[in-house]
């Protein structure tokens, strides 16, 4: 097979920008507009995302997911605070210490859980096992990923139970929603059910992985937190002067249903890959990520056939992650499925 984007299953970050997003950018790229959020697109963002989530929100366009997560957590946790998260969370493994940097020193307290989920029981146990005194970091926040780093989707009841434990102890809850659209497409529930209605206080709302160019938002359901965030965003250098170009993408993303169409496409292709993987599949496919046990020989066979993907964990483990993007070709997925079926021991 040729070395082409059709054979790449590295990450949805490698996907193209979808035509509707490019059209929205072109439409926004006419005439003068106010800077630093004083433009018609950014001024509409609160209303559009409020309608999407079914409640009043304050939303702030951000260019990267790392900045969205770290700035949101800095609003929730003081320098002496503790943020509870899964040990495989993106904020723990893939953000180069950004949460600690932006919070000024808050500590990540990492927990275990199936399919990279936190549970109410695990959080309750962790809070009980770490009595608070002047000598300890102070429990401040919980951060969950939807979908998780292992492709799992939190059900509304799971999040509600977790948030109840957190709020009972005075902790705020943040959600990393880099793949929120994929989780919503799988769950087929209103966005409210796995965000504010479940108890989420602030959300990092991702669009980049699902067809946008560089468009994220920090969405506050707890409006009392907003002023602190605004100042932190400016101080950190993430108040965009030409925010209309991020806001225009987000508006097109939520107002046209583009988020659902792209997520459903990626999820459907991932399910096909998961079915083809058979007994090699490590976790249920609930979003657009597929985790498989290939072994060294299996990985080499697929790469020799022209498929590109990341190892998962240590290369010697033989584990791999395959990610389907919104623009993945049917032919490429079909070829991958056929190759998976031809691996020895399949």
C-alpha atoms as a PDB file:
ATOM      1  CA  UNK A   1       0.000   0.000   0.000  1.00  0.00           C
ATOM      2  CA  UNK A   2       1.178   3.547  -0.647  1.00  0.00           C
ATOM      3  CA  UNK A   3       2.172   5.965   2.080  1.00  0.00           C
ATOM      4  CA  UNK A   4      -0.952   8.120   2.049  1.00  0.00           C
ATOM      5  CA  UNK A   5      -3.273   9.678   4.653  1.00  0.00           C
ATOM      6  CA  UNK A   6      -5.775   6.912   3.941  1.00  0.00           C
ATOM      7  CA  UNK A   7      -3.524   4.400   5.709  1.00  0.00           C
ATOM      8  CA  UNK A   8      -2.799   6.522   8.770  1.00  0.00           C
ATOM      9  CA  UNK A   9      -4.459   5.651  12.039  1.00  0.00           C
ATOM     10  CA  UNK A  10      -2.113   7.667  14.237  1.00  0.00           C
ATOM     11  CA  UNK A  11      -4.551  10.176  15.728  1.00  0.00           C
ATOM     12  CA  UNK A  12      -7.564  12.296  14.871  1.00  0.00           C
ATOM     13  CA  UNK A  13      -5.197  15.256  15.259  1.00  0.00           C
ATOM     14  CA  UNK A  14      -3.728  14.256  11.888  1.00  0.00           C
ATOM     15  CA  UNK A  15      -7.089  14.624  10.119  1.00  0.00           C
ATOM     16  CA  UNK A  16      -7.929  17.376   7.683  1.00  0.00           C
ATOM     17  CA  UNK A  17     -10.156  20.374   8.333  1.00  0.00           C
ATOM     18  CA  UNK A  18     -13.658  19.687   7.046  1.00  0.00           C
ATOM     19  CA  UNK A  19     -15.101  21.874   4.257  1.00  0.00           C
ATOM     20  CA  UNK A  20     -17.808  23.427   6.433  1.00  0.00           C
ATOM     21  CA  UNK A  21     -15.188  24.734   8.835  1.00  0.00           C
ATOM     22  CA  UNK A  22     -13.134  26.185   5.994  1.00  0.00           C
ATOM     23  CA  UNK A  23     -16.279  27.840   4.646  1.00  0.00           C
ATOM     24  CA  UNK A  24     -17.005  29.357   8.052  1.00  0.00           C
ATOM     25  CA  UNK A  25     -13.461  30.713   8.219  1.00  0.00           C
ATOM     26  CA  UNK A  26     -13.779  32.214   4.759  1.00  0.00           C
ATOM     27  CA  UNK A  27     -17.058  33.881   5.726  1.00  0.00           C
ATOM     28  CA  UNK A  28     -15.480  35.318   8.882  1.00  0.00           C
ATOM     29  CA  UNK A  29     -12.507  36.571   6.873  1.00  0.00           C
ATOM     30  CA  UNK A  30     -14.277  39.606   5.429  1.00  0.00           C
ATOM     31  CA  UNK A  31     -13.985  43.174   6.613  1.00  0.00           C
ATOM     32  CA  UNK A  32     -12.878  44.508   9.956  1.00  0.00           C
ATOM     33  CA  UNK A  33     -13.997  43.087  13.278  1.00  0.00           C
ATOM     34  CA  UNK A  34     -13.339  43.969  16.882  1.00  0.00           C
ATOM     35  CA  UNK A  35     -10.349  42.370  18.570  1.00  0.00           C
ATOM     36  CA  UNK A  36     -10.031  40.280  21.725  1.00  0.00           C
ATOM     37  CA  UNK A  37     -13.537  38.859  21.551  1.00  0.00           C
ATOM     38  CA  UNK A  38     -15.433  42.019  20.666  1.00  0.00           C
ATOM     39  CA  UNK A  39     -16.598  40.564  17.373  1.00  0.00           C
ATOM     40  CA  UNK A  40     -20.006  39.224  16.276  1.00  0.00           C
ATOM     41  CA  UNK A  41     -18.842  35.591  16.186  1.00  0.00           C
ATOM     42  CA  UNK A  42     -17.402  35.505  19.697  1.00  0.00           C
ATOM     43  CA  UNK A  43     -20.324  37.510  21.051  1.00  0.00           C
ATOM     44  CA  UNK A  44     -22.669  34.797  19.754  1.00  0.00           C
ATOM     45  CA  UNK A  45     -20.703  31.948  21.311  1.00  0.00           C
ATOM     46  CA  UNK A  46     -22.324  32.011  24.761  1.00  0.00           C
ATOM     47  CA  UNK A  47     -25.787  31.799  23.223  1.00  0.00           C
ATOM     48  CA  UNK A  48     -24.903  29.067  20.726  1.00  0.00           C
ATOM     49  CA  UNK A  49     -23.205  26.846  23.287  1.00  0.00           C
ATOM     50  CA  UNK A  50     -25.891  27.648  25.831  1.00  0.00           C
ATOM     51  CA  UNK A  51     -28.478  26.331  23.393  1.00  0.00           C
ATOM     52  CA  UNK A  52     -26.302  23.294  22.658  1.00  0.00           C
ATOM     53  CA  UNK A  53     -26.046  22.414  26.358  1.00  0.00           C
ATOM     54  CA  UNK A  54     -29.513  23.597  27.328  1.00  0.00           C
ATOM     55  CA  UNK A  55     -28.448  26.068  30.007  1.00  0.00           C
ATOM     56  CA  UNK A  56     -26.785  29.432  30.499  1.00  0.00           C
ATOM     57  CA  UNK A  57     -23.024  29.232  29.970  1.00  0.00           C
ATOM     58  CA  UNK A  58     -19.992  31.435  29.519  1.00  0.00           C
ATOM     59  CA  UNK A  59     -17.689  30.186  26.793  1.00  0.00           C
ATOM     60  CA  UNK A  60     -14.189  31.289  25.845  1.00  0.00           C
ATOM     61  CA  UNK A  61     -12.437  30.354  22.580  1.00  0.00           C
ATOM     62  CA  UNK A  62      -9.015  28.768  23.038  1.00  0.00           C
ATOM     63  CA  UNK A  63      -6.577  27.505  20.417  1.00  0.00           C
ATOM     64  CA  UNK A  64      -5.316  24.322  22.113  1.00  0.00           C
ATOM     65  CA  UNK A  65      -6.693  21.605  24.336  1.00  0.00           C
ATOM     66  CA  UNK A  66      -3.721  21.752  26.678  1.00  0.00           C
ATOM     67  CA  UNK A  67      -4.331  25.441  27.347  1.00  0.00           C
ATOM     68  CA  UNK A  68      -8.049  24.807  27.828  1.00  0.00           C
ATOM     69  CA  UNK A  69      -7.421  22.055  30.380  1.00  0.00           C
ATOM     70  CA  UNK A  70      -4.654  23.809  32.263  1.00  0.00           C
ATOM     71  CA  UNK A  71      -6.399  27.183  32.460  1.00  0.00           C
ATOM     72  CA  UNK A  72      -9.656  25.569  33.546  1.00  0.00           C
ATOM     73  CA  UNK A  73      -7.882  23.637  36.303  1.00  0.00           C
ATOM     74  CA  UNK A  74      -5.999  26.742  37.399  1.00  0.00           C
ATOM     75  CA  UNK A  75      -9.385  28.351  37.997  1.00  0.00           C
ATOM     76  CA  UNK A  76     -10.436  25.435  40.203  1.00  0.00           C
ATOM     77  CA  UNK A  77      -7.285  24.574  42.141  1.00  0.00           C
ATOM     78  CA  UNK A  78      -4.937  26.814  44.168  1.00  0.00           C
ATOM     79  CA  UNK A  79      -1.167  26.200  44.187  1.00  0.00           C
ATOM     80  CA  UNK A  80      -1.567  24.073  47.315  1.00  0.00           C
ATOM     81  CA  UNK A  81      -4.483  22.107  45.877  1.00  0.00           C
ATOM     82  CA  UNK A  82      -4.929  18.529  44.715  1.00  0.00           C
ATOM     83  CA  UNK A  83      -6.612  17.573  41.446  1.00  0.00           C
ATOM     84  CA  UNK A  84      -7.867  13.993  41.330  1.00  0.00           C
ATOM     85  CA  UNK A  85      -7.615  12.311  37.919  1.00  0.00           C
ATOM     86  CA  UNK A  86      -7.096   8.906  36.368  1.00  0.00           C
ATOM     87  CA  UNK A  87      -3.444   7.867  36.082  1.00  0.00           C
ATOM     88  CA  UNK A  88      -3.842   7.625  32.283  1.00  0.00           C
ATOM     89  CA  UNK A  89      -5.527  11.006  31.920  1.00  0.00           C
ATOM     90  CA  UNK A  90      -4.236  13.325  29.226  1.00  0.00           C
ATOM     91  CA  UNK A  91      -3.464  15.976  31.836  1.00  0.00           C
ATOM     92  CA  UNK A  92      -1.222  13.454  33.608  1.00  0.00           C
ATOM     93  CA  UNK A  93       0.530  11.844  30.636  1.00  0.00           C
ATOM     94  CA  UNK A  94       0.512  14.212  27.674  1.00  0.00           C
ATOM     95  CA  UNK A  95       0.621  17.839  28.780  1.00  0.00           C
ATOM     96  CA  UNK A  96       4.217  18.248  29.951  1.00  0.00           C
ATOM     97  CA  UNK A  97       3.235  19.398  33.439  1.00  0.00           C
ATOM     98  CA  UNK A  98       0.979  22.183  32.149  1.00  0.00           C
ATOM     99  CA  UNK A  99      -1.619  21.809  34.934  1.00  0.00           C
ATOM    100  CA  UNK A 100       1.074  22.233  37.592  1.00  0.00           C
ATOM    101  CA  UNK A 101       2.590  25.173  35.725  1.00  0.00           C
ATOM    102  CA  UNK A 102      -0.678  27.057  35.172  1.00  0.00           C
ATOM    103  CA  UNK A 103      -1.969  26.402  38.703  1.00  0.00           C
ATOM    104  CA  UNK A 104       1.329  27.491  40.213  1.00  0.00           C
ATOM    105  CA  UNK A 105       1.991  24.132  41.813  1.00  0.00           C
ATOM    106  CA  UNK A 106      -1.230  22.168  42.314  1.00  0.00           C
ATOM    107  CA  UNK A 107      -0.617  18.429  42.522  1.00  0.00           C
ATOM    108  CA  UNK A 108      -2.270  15.726  40.432  1.00  0.00           C
ATOM    109  CA  UNK A 109      -3.476  12.859  42.611  1.00  0.00           C
ATOM    110  CA  UNK A 110      -3.794   9.884  40.287  1.00  0.00           C
ATOM    111  CA  UNK A 111      -6.286   7.043  40.714  1.00  0.00           C
ATOM    112  CA  UNK A 112      -7.029   3.747  39.000  1.00  0.00           C
ATOM    113  CA  UNK A 113     -10.217   2.721  37.233  1.00  0.00           C
ATOM    114  CA  UNK A 114     -11.504   0.479  34.461  1.00  0.00           C
ATOM    115  CA  UNK A 115     -11.197   1.849  30.890  1.00  0.00           C
ATOM    116  CA  UNK A 116      -9.493   4.962  32.320  1.00  0.00           C
ATOM    117  CA  UNK A 117     -12.623   6.017  34.234  1.00  0.00           C
ATOM    118  CA  UNK A 118     -12.824   7.404  37.733  1.00  0.00           C
ATOM    119  CA  UNK A 119     -15.603   6.031  39.899  1.00  0.00           C
ATOM    120  CA  UNK A 120     -17.478   7.566  42.796  1.00  0.00           C
ATOM    121  CA  UNK A 121     -16.249   4.732  45.014  1.00  0.00           C
ATOM    122  CA  UNK A 122     -12.592   5.269  44.045  1.00  0.00           C
ATOM    123  CA  UNK A 123     -12.812   9.008  44.661  1.00  0.00           C
ATOM    124  CA  UNK A 124     -14.553   8.521  47.994  1.00  0.00           C
ATOM    125  CA  UNK A 125     -11.911   6.013  49.045  1.00  0.00           C
ATOM    126  CA  UNK A 126      -9.075   8.332  48.025  1.00  0.00           C
ATOM    127  CA  UNK A 127     -10.543  11.216  49.999  1.00  0.00           C
ATOM    128  CA  UNK A 128     -10.950   8.998  53.059  1.00  0.00           C
ATOM    129  CA  UNK A 129      -7.395   7.644  52.802  1.00  0.00           C
ATOM    130  CA  UNK A 130      -5.788  11.090  52.656  1.00  0.00           C
ATOM    131  CA  UNK A 131      -6.883  13.078  55.711  1.00  0.00           C
ATOM    132  CA  UNK A 132      -6.416  16.794  55.226  1.00  0.00           C
ATOM    133  CA  UNK A 133      -4.241  18.913  57.484  1.00  0.00           C
ATOM    134  CA  UNK A 134      -1.978  21.917  57.168  1.00  0.00           C
ATOM    135  CA  UNK A 135       0.757  19.510  56.053  1.00  0.00           C
ATOM    136  CA  UNK A 136      -1.076  18.163  52.997  1.00  0.00           C
ATOM    137  CA  UNK A 137      -2.239  19.414  49.634  1.00  0.00           C
ATOM    138  CA  UNK A 138      -5.882  20.422  49.883  1.00  0.00           C
ATOM    139  CA  UNK A 139      -8.441  18.526  47.776  1.00  0.00           C
ATOM    140  CA  UNK A 140      -9.704  21.047  45.247  1.00  0.00           C
ATOM    141  CA  UNK A 141     -10.913  19.459  42.010  1.00  0.00           C
ATOM    142  CA  UNK A 142     -11.617  16.345  40.015  1.00  0.00           C
ATOM    143  CA  UNK A 143     -10.845  16.034  36.301  1.00  0.00           C
ATOM    144  CA  UNK A 144     -12.448  13.430  34.038  1.00  0.00           C
ATOM    145  CA  UNK A 145     -12.067  12.776  30.304  1.00  0.00           C
ATOM    146  CA  UNK A 146     -15.056  12.190  28.050  1.00  0.00           C
ATOM    147  CA  UNK A 147     -14.334  10.013  26.125  1.00  0.00           C
ATOM    148  CA  UNK A 148     -11.501   8.554  28.208  1.00  0.00           C
ATOM    149  CA  UNK A 149      -7.950   7.834  27.145  1.00  0.00           C
ATOM    150  CA  UNK A 150      -8.954   4.211  26.581  1.00  0.00           C
ATOM    151  CA  UNK A 151     -11.979   5.140  24.501  1.00  0.00           C
ATOM    152  CA  UNK A 152     -14.609   4.668  27.208  1.00  0.00           C
ATOM    153  CA  UNK A 153     -17.715   6.808  27.527  1.00  0.00           C
ATOM    154  CA  UNK A 154     -18.942   7.789  30.986  1.00  0.00           C
ATOM    155  CA  UNK A 155     -22.652   7.139  31.370  1.00  0.00           C
ATOM    156  CA  UNK A 156     -24.707   9.973  32.913  1.00  0.00           C
ATOM    157  CA  UNK A 157     -25.279   8.003  36.117  1.00  0.00           C
ATOM    158  CA  UNK A 158     -21.543   7.389  36.539  1.00  0.00           C
ATOM    159  CA  UNK A 159     -20.765  11.093  36.264  1.00  0.00           C
ATOM    160  CA  UNK A 160     -23.635  12.091  38.526  1.00  0.00           C
ATOM    161  CA  UNK A 161     -22.433   9.760  41.275  1.00  0.00           C
ATOM    162  CA  UNK A 162     -18.842  10.978  40.921  1.00  0.00           C
ATOM    163  CA  UNK A 163     -19.825  14.649  40.985  1.00  0.00           C
ATOM    164  CA  UNK A 164     -21.997  14.114  44.048  1.00  0.00           C
ATOM    165  CA  UNK A 165     -19.021  12.740  45.967  1.00  0.00           C
ATOM    166  CA  UNK A 166     -16.823  15.614  44.789  1.00  0.00           C
ATOM    167  CA  UNK A 167     -19.313  18.364  45.564  1.00  0.00           C
ATOM    168  CA  UNK A 168     -20.096  16.903  48.990  1.00  0.00           C
ATOM    169  CA  UNK A 169     -16.429  17.473  49.848  1.00  0.00           C
ATOM    170  CA  UNK A 170     -16.308  20.948  48.308  1.00  0.00           C
ATOM    171  CA  UNK A 171     -14.436  19.906  45.143  1.00  0.00           C
ATOM    172  CA  UNK A 172     -15.215  21.296  41.694  1.00  0.00           C
ATOM    173  CA  UNK A 173     -15.345  19.007  38.666  1.00  0.00           C
ATOM    174  CA  UNK A 174     -13.649  19.606  35.319  1.00  0.00           C
ATOM    175  CA  UNK A 175     -14.223  17.609  32.157  1.00  0.00           C
ATOM    176  CA  UNK A 176     -11.661  17.215  29.387  1.00  0.00           C
ATOM    177  CA  UNK A 177     -14.005  16.984  26.405  1.00  0.00           C
ATOM    178  CA  UNK A 178     -11.457  16.655  23.625  1.00  0.00           C
ATOM    179  CA  UNK A 179     -13.591  13.793  22.252  1.00  0.00           C
ATOM    180  CA  UNK A 180     -16.896  14.790  23.805  1.00  0.00           C
ATOM    181  CA  UNK A 181     -18.624  14.593  20.418  1.00  0.00           C
ATOM    182  CA  UNK A 182     -17.574  10.968  19.992  1.00  0.00           C
ATOM    183  CA  UNK A 183     -18.873  10.092  23.449  1.00  0.00           C
ATOM    184  CA  UNK A 184     -22.188  11.865  22.794  1.00  0.00           C
ATOM    185  CA  UNK A 185     -22.586  10.083  19.465  1.00  0.00           C
ATOM    186  CA  UNK A 186     -22.110   6.743  21.218  1.00  0.00           C
ATOM    187  CA  UNK A 187     -24.357   7.532  24.193  1.00  0.00           C
ATOM    188  CA  UNK A 188     -27.057   9.204  22.060  1.00  0.00           C
ATOM    189  CA  UNK A 189     -28.054  11.459  24.937  1.00  0.00           C
ATOM    190  CA  UNK A 190     -28.443  15.245  25.273  1.00  0.00           C
ATOM    191  CA  UNK A 191     -25.137  17.036  25.945  1.00  0.00           C
ATOM    192  CA  UNK A 192     -26.606  18.277  29.219  1.00  0.00           C
ATOM    193  CA  UNK A 193     -26.865  14.746  30.597  1.00  0.00           C
ATOM    194  CA  UNK A 194     -23.099  14.248  30.740  1.00  0.00           C
ATOM    195  CA  UNK A 195     -22.110  17.814  31.608  1.00  0.00           C
ATOM    196  CA  UNK A 196     -23.863  20.328  33.858  1.00  0.00           C
ATOM    197  CA  UNK A 197     -26.871  18.138  34.650  1.00  0.00           C
ATOM    198  CA  UNK A 198     -24.498  15.481  35.968  1.00  0.00           C
ATOM    199  CA  UNK A 199     -22.595  18.087  37.992  1.00  0.00           C
ATOM    200  CA  UNK A 200     -19.716  19.209  35.759  1.00  0.00           C
ATOM    201  CA  UNK A 201     -18.624  22.745  36.676  1.00  0.00           C
ATOM    202  CA  UNK A 202     -16.323  23.543  33.756  1.00  0.00           C
ATOM    203  CA  UNK A 203     -15.707  21.828  30.423  1.00  0.00           C
ATOM    204  CA  UNK A 204     -12.845  21.866  27.940  1.00  0.00           C
ATOM    205  CA  UNK A 205     -14.897  21.571  24.763  1.00  0.00           C
ATOM    206  CA  UNK A 206     -12.895  20.161  21.875  1.00  0.00           C
ATOM    207  CA  UNK A 207     -13.534  20.503  18.156  1.00  0.00           C
ATOM    208  CA  UNK A 208     -10.030  20.194  16.680  1.00  0.00           C
ATOM    209  CA  UNK A 209      -9.975  16.384  16.706  1.00  0.00           C
ATOM    210  CA  UNK A 210     -13.366  16.259  14.991  1.00  0.00           C
ATOM    211  CA  UNK A 211     -12.892  18.424  11.912  1.00  0.00           C
ATOM    212  CA  UNK A 212     -11.908  21.897  13.109  1.00  0.00           C
ATOM    213  CA  UNK A 213      -8.599  23.633  12.441  1.00  0.00           C
ATOM    214  CA  UNK A 214      -7.567  24.787  15.915  1.00  0.00           C
ATOM    215  CA  UNK A 215     -10.710  25.382  17.914  1.00  0.00           C
ATOM    216  CA  UNK A 216     -11.429  24.591  21.542  1.00  0.00           C
ATOM    217  CA  UNK A 217     -13.487  26.365  24.163  1.00  0.00           C
ATOM    218  CA  UNK A 218     -13.574  26.537  27.931  1.00  0.00           C
ATOM    219  CA  UNK A 219     -17.247  26.398  28.888  1.00  0.00           C
ATOM    220  CA  UNK A 220     -18.344  27.409  32.376  1.00  0.00           C
ATOM    221  CA  UNK A 221     -21.536  26.039  33.855  1.00  0.00           C
ATOM    222  CA  UNK A 222     -20.605  27.519  37.253  1.00  0.00           C
ATOM    223  CA  UNK A 223     -20.673  31.184  36.287  1.00  0.00           C
ATOM    224  CA  UNK A 224     -19.088  32.311  39.548  1.00  0.00           C
ATOM    225  CA  UNK A 225     -15.745  31.029  38.258  1.00  0.00           C
ATOM    226  CA  UNK A 226     -15.666  33.180  35.142  1.00  0.00           C
ATOM    227  CA  UNK A 227     -13.923  36.349  36.292  1.00  0.00           C
ATOM    228  CA  UNK A 228     -10.914  34.515  37.670  1.00  0.00           C
ATOM    229  CA  UNK A 229     -10.591  32.570  34.419  1.00  0.00           C
ATOM    230  CA  UNK A 230     -10.708  35.722  32.278  1.00  0.00           C
ATOM    231  CA  UNK A 231      -7.721  37.185  34.095  1.00  0.00           C
ATOM    232  CA  UNK A 232      -5.772  33.929  34.069  1.00  0.00           C
ATOM    233  CA  UNK A 233      -6.358  33.547  30.338  1.00  0.00           C
ATOM    234  CA  UNK A 234      -4.986  37.017  29.626  1.00  0.00           C
ATOM    235  CA  UNK A 235      -2.008  36.594  31.955  1.00  0.00           C
ATOM    236  CA  UNK A 236      -1.134  33.277  30.305  1.00  0.00           C
ATOM    237  CA  UNK A 237      -1.149  34.763  26.806  1.00  0.00           C
ATOM    238  CA  UNK A 238      -4.256  32.916  25.577  1.00  0.00           C
ATOM    239  CA  UNK A 239      -6.601  35.853  24.971  1.00  0.00           C
ATOM    240  CA  UNK A 240      -6.684  35.696  21.175  1.00  0.00           C
ATOM    241  CA  UNK A 241      -6.666  39.013  19.376  1.00  0.00           C
ATOM    242  CA  UNK A 242      -8.461  37.552  16.339  1.00  0.00           C
ATOM    243  CA  UNK A 243     -10.790  35.244  18.214  1.00  0.00           C
ATOM    244  CA  UNK A 244     -13.430  35.460  15.481  1.00  0.00           C
ATOM    245  CA  UNK A 245     -11.557  32.737  13.586  1.00  0.00           C
ATOM    246  CA  UNK A 246     -11.856  30.259  16.447  1.00  0.00           C
ATOM    247  CA  UNK A 247     -15.397  31.321  17.325  1.00  0.00           C
ATOM    248  CA  UNK A 248     -16.576  31.011  13.721  1.00  0.00           C
ATOM    249  CA  UNK A 249     -15.386  27.406  13.687  1.00  0.00           C
ATOM    250  CA  UNK A 250     -17.149  26.592  16.945  1.00  0.00           C
ATOM    251  CA  UNK A 251     -20.397  28.172  15.752  1.00  0.00           C
ATOM    252  CA  UNK A 252     -20.377  26.158  12.546  1.00  0.00           C
ATOM    253  CA  UNK A 253     -19.493  23.049  14.533  1.00  0.00           C
ATOM    254  CA  UNK A 254     -22.446  23.179  16.932  1.00  0.00           C
ATOM    255  CA  UNK A 255     -25.112  25.045  14.965  1.00  0.00           C
ATOM    256  CA  UNK A 256     -25.106  22.830  11.883  1.00  0.00           C
ATOM    257  CA  UNK A 257     -24.839  19.443  13.589  1.00  0.00           C
ATOM    258  CA  UNK A 258     -21.376  18.997  12.119  1.00  0.00           C
ATOM    259  CA  UNK A 259     -20.116  17.704  15.468  1.00  0.00           C
ATOM    260  CA  UNK A 260     -22.511  14.766  15.354  1.00  0.00           C
ATOM    261  CA  UNK A 261     -22.021  13.899  11.703  1.00  0.00           C
ATOM    262  CA  UNK A 262     -18.250  13.791  11.979  1.00  0.00           C
ATOM    263  CA  UNK A 263     -18.275  11.906  15.284  1.00  0.00           C
ATOM    264  CA  UNK A 264     -20.742   9.303  14.053  1.00  0.00           C
ATOM    265  CA  UNK A 265     -18.597   8.703  10.992  1.00  0.00           C
ATOM    266  CA  UNK A 266     -15.411   8.244  13.013  1.00  0.00           C
ATOM    267  CA  UNK A 267     -17.155   6.036  15.577  1.00  0.00           C
ATOM    268  CA  UNK A 268     -18.683   3.830  12.883  1.00  0.00           C
ATOM    269  CA  UNK A 269     -15.317   3.211  11.272  1.00  0.00           C
ATOM    270  CA  UNK A 270     -13.731   2.492  14.645  1.00  0.00           C
ATOM    271  CA  UNK A 271     -16.389  -0.111  15.384  1.00  0.00           C
ATOM    272  CA  UNK A 272     -15.578  -1.844  12.097  1.00  0.00           C
ATOM    273  CA  UNK A 273     -11.919  -1.989  13.071  1.00  0.00           C
ATOM    274  CA  UNK A 274     -12.814  -3.304  16.517  1.00  0.00           C
ATOM    275  CA  UNK A 275     -14.963  -6.053  15.034  1.00  0.00           C
ATOM    276  CA  UNK A 276     -12.150  -7.047  12.678  1.00  0.00           C
ATOM    277  CA  UNK A 277      -9.687  -7.161  15.570  1.00  0.00           C
ATOM    278  CA  UNK A 278     -11.744  -9.907  17.234  1.00  0.00           C
ATOM    279  CA  UNK A 279     -10.001 -11.454  20.228  1.00  0.00           C
ATOM    280  CA  UNK A 280      -7.153  -8.950  19.885  1.00  0.00           C
ATOM    281  CA  UNK A 281      -9.455  -6.133  21.033  1.00  0.00           C
ATOM    282  CA  UNK A 282      -8.508  -4.850  24.503  1.00  0.00           C
ATOM    283  CA  UNK A 283     -11.432  -2.544  25.348  1.00  0.00           C
ATOM    284  CA  UNK A 284     -14.985  -1.998  24.104  1.00  0.00           C
ATOM    285  CA  UNK A 285     -15.107   0.517  21.230  1.00  0.00           C
ATOM    286  CA  UNK A 286     -17.260   3.365  22.496  1.00  0.00           C
ATOM    287  CA  UNK A 287     -15.719   6.272  20.606  1.00  0.00           C
ATOM    288  CA  UNK A 288     -13.195   6.466  17.774  1.00  0.00           C
ATOM    289  CA  UNK A 289     -10.189   4.776  19.393  1.00  0.00           C
ATOM    290  CA  UNK A 290      -9.403   1.077  19.087  1.00  0.00           C
ATOM    291  CA  UNK A 291      -6.891  -0.639  21.368  1.00  0.00           C
ATOM    292  CA  UNK A 292      -5.516  -3.976  20.225  1.00  0.00           C
ATOM    293  CA  UNK A 293      -2.934  -6.572  21.203  1.00  0.00           C
ATOM    294  CA  UNK A 294      -0.921  -7.205  18.044  1.00  0.00           C
ATOM    295  CA  UNK A 295       2.389  -8.511  19.328  1.00  0.00           C
ATOM    296  CA  UNK A 296       5.659  -7.487  17.752  1.00  0.00           C
ATOM    297  CA  UNK A 297       5.052  -9.643  14.676  1.00  0.00           C
ATOM    298  CA  UNK A 298       1.548  -8.288  14.192  1.00  0.00           C
ATOM    299  CA  UNK A 299       2.681  -4.684  14.445  1.00  0.00           C
ATOM    300  CA  UNK A 300       5.456  -5.285  11.957  1.00  0.00           C
ATOM    301  CA  UNK A 301       3.075  -7.007   9.539  1.00  0.00           C
ATOM    302  CA  UNK A 302       0.607  -4.112   9.577  1.00  0.00           C
ATOM    303  CA  UNK A 303       3.322  -1.491   9.221  1.00  0.00           C
ATOM    304  CA  UNK A 304       4.890  -3.396   6.363  1.00  0.00           C
ATOM    305  CA  UNK A 305       1.476  -3.374   4.677  1.00  0.00           C
ATOM    306  CA  UNK A 306       1.476   0.436   4.846  1.00  0.00           C
ATOM    307  CA  UNK A 307      -0.558   1.142   7.970  1.00  0.00           C
ATOM    308  CA  UNK A 308       0.657   3.712  10.471  1.00  0.00           C
ATOM    309  CA  UNK A 309      -0.346   3.807  14.133  1.00  0.00           C
ATOM    310  CA  UNK A 310       1.087   4.410  17.563  1.00  0.00           C
ATOM    311  CA  UNK A 311       2.347   1.821  20.007  1.00  0.00           C
ATOM    312  CA  UNK A 312       0.386   1.913  23.253  1.00  0.00           C
ATOM    313  CA  UNK A 313       2.663   1.783  26.254  1.00  0.00           C
ATOM    314  CA  UNK A 314       6.073   0.183  25.911  1.00  0.00           C
ATOM    315  CA  UNK A 315       6.757  -1.024  22.347  1.00  0.00           C
ATOM    316  CA  UNK A 316       7.666  -4.460  23.694  1.00  0.00           C
ATOM    317  CA  UNK A 317       4.162  -4.875  25.105  1.00  0.00           C
ATOM    318  CA  UNK A 318       2.816  -5.482  21.626  1.00  0.00           C
ATOM    319  CA  UNK A 319      -0.134  -3.149  22.230  1.00  0.00           C
ATOM    320  CA  UNK A 320      -1.301  -0.553  19.712  1.00  0.00           C
ATOM    321  CA  UNK A 321      -3.833   2.226  19.380  1.00  0.00           C
ATOM    322  CA  UNK A 322      -5.711   2.749  16.121  1.00  0.00           C
ATOM    323  CA  UNK A 323      -7.704   5.967  15.765  1.00  0.00           C
ATOM    324  CA  UNK A 324     -10.396   6.550  13.141  1.00  0.00           C
ATOM    325  CA  UNK A 325     -10.862  10.160  12.038  1.00  0.00           C
ATOM    326  CA  UNK A 326     -13.891  11.894  10.579  1.00  0.00           C
ATOM    327  CA  UNK A 327     -12.225  11.892   7.129  1.00  0.00           C
ATOM    328  CA  UNK A 328     -10.872   8.343   7.176  1.00  0.00           C
ATOM    329  CA  UNK A 329     -11.479   6.624   3.857  1.00  0.00           C
ATOM    330  CA  UNK A 330     -13.755   3.608   3.687  1.00  0.00           C
ATOM    331  CA  UNK A 331     -11.161   1.901   1.503  1.00  0.00           C
ATOM    332  CA  UNK A 332      -8.408   2.414   4.040  1.00  0.00           C
ATOM    333  CA  UNK A 333     -10.533   1.015   6.861  1.00  0.00           C
ATOM    334  CA  UNK A 334     -11.603  -1.941   4.726  1.00  0.00           C
ATOM    335  CA  UNK A 335      -7.971  -2.695   3.906  1.00  0.00           C
ATOM    336  CA  UNK A 336      -6.971  -2.468   7.561  1.00  0.00           C
ATOM    337  CA  UNK A 337      -9.796  -4.801   8.589  1.00  0.00           C
ATOM    338  CA  UNK A 338      -8.727  -7.313   5.959  1.00  0.00           C
ATOM    339  CA  UNK A 339      -5.114  -7.172   7.142  1.00  0.00           C
ATOM    340  CA  UNK A 340      -6.171  -7.624  10.776  1.00  0.00           C
ATOM    341  CA  UNK A 341      -8.060 -10.741   9.747  1.00  0.00           C
ATOM    342  CA  UNK A 342      -4.997 -12.152   8.034  1.00  0.00           C
ATOM    343  CA  UNK A 343      -2.685 -11.842  11.037  1.00  0.00           C
ATOM    344  CA  UNK A 344      -1.455 -15.147  12.455  1.00  0.00           C
ATOM    345  CA  UNK A 345      -3.567 -16.311  15.361  1.00  0.00           C
ATOM    346  CA  UNK A 346      -6.569 -14.185  14.406  1.00  0.00           C
END
